């Protein structure tokens, strides 16, 4: 049991050392990459500005198109109601004339 504990402690210590070494290597790699981070961010920002400008232009065109569609729909419904109203007035007038003729 004592030997097992000693073996496990030794294995755990070795694992801990490996993890520390890997962590140190990862930190080193991160620090090396930090030099390029600003250049990458500037490059990304420039590309995103172009894409955002395109997006904004398309969004405004879509909004204008949809607004026009709503307006056209309102006008069409108003014309339809006017035509129905005129038809109804004509029908009432014809009915009244017919009634008077009788």
C-alpha atoms as a PDB file:
ATOM      1  CA  UNK A   1       0.000   0.000   0.000  1.00  0.00           C
ATOM      2  CA  UNK A   2       2.912   2.310   0.843  1.00  0.00           C
ATOM      3  CA  UNK A   3       4.595   1.487  -2.474  1.00  0.00           C
ATOM      4  CA  UNK A   4       1.353   2.123  -4.337  1.00  0.00           C
ATOM      5  CA  UNK A   5       0.951   5.524  -2.700  1.00  0.00           C
ATOM      6  CA  UNK A   6       4.572   6.418  -3.528  1.00  0.00           C
ATOM      7  CA  UNK A   7       4.061   5.331  -7.166  1.00  0.00           C
ATOM      8  CA  UNK A   8       0.830   7.357  -7.458  1.00  0.00           C
ATOM      9  CA  UNK A   9       2.458  10.432  -5.891  1.00  0.00           C
ATOM     10  CA  UNK A  10       5.381  10.131  -8.307  1.00  0.00           C
ATOM     11  CA  UNK A  11       3.022   9.733 -11.308  1.00  0.00           C
ATOM     12  CA  UNK A  12       0.947  12.700 -10.140  1.00  0.00           C
ATOM     13  CA  UNK A  13       4.058  14.851  -9.722  1.00  0.00           C
ATOM     14  CA  UNK A  14       5.227  13.904 -13.231  1.00  0.00           C
ATOM     15  CA  UNK A  15       1.774  14.743 -14.638  1.00  0.00           C
ATOM     16  CA  UNK A  16       1.819  18.062 -12.812  1.00  0.00           C
ATOM     17  CA  UNK A  17       5.259  18.883 -14.254  1.00  0.00           C
ATOM     18  CA  UNK A  18       4.050  18.051 -17.771  1.00  0.00           C
ATOM     19  CA  UNK A  19       0.990  20.258 -17.338  1.00  0.00           C
ATOM     20  CA  UNK A  20       3.117  23.146 -16.020  1.00  0.00           C
ATOM     21  CA  UNK A  21       5.496  22.810 -18.962  1.00  0.00           C
ATOM     22  CA  UNK A  22       2.594  22.741 -21.440  1.00  0.00           C
ATOM     23  CA  UNK A  23       1.023  25.761 -19.741  1.00  0.00           C
ATOM     24  CA  UNK A  24       4.304  27.690 -19.870  1.00  0.00           C
ATOM     25  CA  UNK A  25       4.688  26.809 -23.567  1.00  0.00           C
ATOM     26  CA  UNK A  26       1.109  27.933 -24.271  1.00  0.00           C
ATOM     27  CA  UNK A  27       1.731  31.241 -22.462  1.00  0.00           C
ATOM     28  CA  UNK A  28       4.877  31.783 -24.508  1.00  0.00           C
ATOM     29  CA  UNK A  29       2.975  31.077 -27.728  1.00  0.00           C
ATOM     30  CA  UNK A  30       0.212  33.479 -26.693  1.00  0.00           C
ATOM     31  CA  UNK A  31       2.758  36.217 -25.992  1.00  0.00           C
ATOM     32  CA  UNK A  32       4.387  35.664 -29.383  1.00  0.00           C
ATOM     33  CA  UNK A  33       1.009  35.943 -31.094  1.00  0.00           C
ATOM     34  CA  UNK A  34       0.115  39.158 -29.257  1.00  0.00           C
ATOM     35  CA  UNK A  35       2.554  40.964 -31.561  1.00  0.00           C
ATOM     36  CA  UNK A  36       0.316  40.115 -34.515  1.00  0.00           C
ATOM     37  CA  UNK A  37      -2.992  40.678 -32.726  1.00  0.00           C
ATOM     38  CA  UNK A  38      -3.228  44.400 -33.460  1.00  0.00           C
ATOM     39  CA  UNK A  39      -2.381  43.936 -37.146  1.00  0.00           C
ATOM     40  CA  UNK A  40      -4.963  41.160 -37.377  1.00  0.00           C
ATOM     41  CA  UNK A  41      -7.546  43.318 -35.626  1.00  0.00           C
ATOM     42  CA  UNK A  42      -6.883  46.235 -37.999  1.00  0.00           C
ATOM     43  CA  UNK A  43      -7.170  43.950 -41.015  1.00  0.00           C
ATOM     44  CA  UNK A  44     -10.400  42.459 -39.688  1.00  0.00           C
ATOM     45  CA  UNK A  45     -11.782  45.905 -38.865  1.00  0.00           C
ATOM     46  CA  UNK A  46     -11.060  47.159 -42.402  1.00  0.00           C
ATOM     47  CA  UNK A  47     -12.814  44.160 -43.945  1.00  0.00           C
ATOM     48  CA  UNK A  48     -15.761  44.500 -41.590  1.00  0.00           C
ATOM     49  CA  UNK A  49     -16.127  48.206 -42.415  1.00  0.00           C
ATOM     50  CA  UNK A  50     -16.533  47.335 -46.096  1.00  0.00           C
ATOM     51  CA  UNK A  51     -18.959  44.543 -45.288  1.00  0.00           C
ATOM     52  CA  UNK A  52     -20.916  46.754 -42.889  1.00  0.00           C
ATOM     53  CA  UNK A  53     -21.186  49.488 -45.516  1.00  0.00           C
ATOM     54  CA  UNK A  54     -22.533  46.940 -48.020  1.00  0.00           C
ATOM     55  CA  UNK A  55     -24.924  45.562 -45.404  1.00  0.00           C
ATOM     56  CA  UNK A  56     -26.176  49.038 -44.479  1.00  0.00           C
ATOM     57  CA  UNK A  57     -26.743  49.920 -48.137  1.00  0.00           C
ATOM     58  CA  UNK A  58     -28.690  46.704 -48.736  1.00  0.00           C
ATOM     59  CA  UNK A  59     -30.688  47.194 -45.542  1.00  0.00           C
ATOM     60  CA  UNK A  60     -31.688  50.722 -46.552  1.00  0.00           C
ATOM     61  CA  UNK A  61     -32.693  49.542 -50.040  1.00  0.00           C
ATOM     62  CA  UNK A  62     -34.772  46.751 -48.504  1.00  0.00           C
ATOM     63  CA  UNK A  63     -36.436  49.155 -46.072  1.00  0.00           C
ATOM     64  CA  UNK A  64     -37.262  51.563 -48.915  1.00  0.00           C
ATOM     65  CA  UNK A  65     -38.620  48.721 -51.071  1.00  0.00           C
ATOM     66  CA  UNK A  66     -40.791  47.344 -48.262  1.00  0.00           C
ATOM     67  CA  UNK A  67     -42.061  50.795 -47.306  1.00  0.00           C
ATOM     68  CA  UNK A  68     -43.032  51.386 -50.938  1.00  0.00           C
ATOM     69  CA  UNK A  69     -44.790  48.021 -50.985  1.00  0.00           C
ATOM     70  CA  UNK A  70     -46.828  49.007 -47.920  1.00  0.00           C
ATOM     71  CA  UNK A  71     -47.709  52.368 -49.480  1.00  0.00           C
ATOM     72  CA  UNK A  72     -48.709  50.715 -52.756  1.00  0.00           C
ATOM     73  CA  UNK A  73     -50.896  48.276 -50.830  1.00  0.00           C
ATOM     74  CA  UNK A  74     -52.638  51.101 -48.990  1.00  0.00           C
ATOM     75  CA  UNK A  75     -53.264  52.953 -52.248  1.00  0.00           C
ATOM     76  CA  UNK A  76     -54.626  49.808 -53.916  1.00  0.00           C
ATOM     77  CA  UNK A  77     -56.975  49.153 -50.987  1.00  0.00           C
ATOM     78  CA  UNK A  78     -58.158  52.776 -51.004  1.00  0.00           C
ATOM     79  CA  UNK A  79     -58.872  52.601 -54.764  1.00  0.00           C
ATOM     80  CA  UNK A  80     -60.745  49.326 -54.233  1.00  0.00           C
ATOM     81  CA  UNK A  81     -62.865  50.862 -51.461  1.00  0.00           C
ATOM     82  CA  UNK A  82     -63.573  53.913 -53.646  1.00  0.00           C
ATOM     83  CA  UNK A  83     -64.645  51.715 -56.562  1.00  0.00           C
ATOM     84  CA  UNK A  84     -66.900  49.671 -54.249  1.00  0.00           C
ATOM     85  CA  UNK A  85     -68.384  52.861 -52.804  1.00  0.00           C
ATOM     86  CA  UNK A  86     -69.077  54.293 -56.277  1.00  0.00           C
ATOM     87  CA  UNK A  87     -70.614  50.987 -57.350  1.00  0.00           C
ATOM     88  CA  UNK A  88     -72.815  50.994 -54.255  1.00  0.00           C
ATOM     89  CA  UNK A  89     -73.906  54.607 -54.891  1.00  0.00           C
ATOM     90  CA  UNK A  90     -74.699  53.776 -58.525  1.00  0.00           C
ATOM     91  CA  UNK A  91     -76.698  50.756 -57.442  1.00  0.00           C
ATOM     92  CA  UNK A  92     -78.672  52.814 -54.896  1.00  0.00           C
ATOM     93  CA  UNK A  93     -79.314  55.521 -57.498  1.00  0.00           C
ATOM     94  CA  UNK A  94     -80.484  52.933 -60.046  1.00  0.00           C
ATOM     95  CA  UNK A  95     -82.735  51.285 -57.444  1.00  0.00           C
ATOM     96  CA  UNK A  96     -84.192  54.659 -56.503  1.00  0.00           C
ATOM     97  CA  UNK A  97     -84.840  55.573 -60.158  1.00  0.00           C
ATOM     98  CA  UNK A  98     -86.428  52.197 -60.745  1.00  0.00           C
ATOM     99  CA  UNK A  99     -88.621  52.650 -57.685  1.00  0.00           C
ATOM    100  CA  UNK A 100     -89.681  56.099 -58.861  1.00  0.00           C
ATOM    101  CA  UNK A 101     -90.472  54.759 -62.339  1.00  0.00           C
ATOM    102  CA  UNK A 102     -92.802  52.144 -60.955  1.00  0.00           C
END
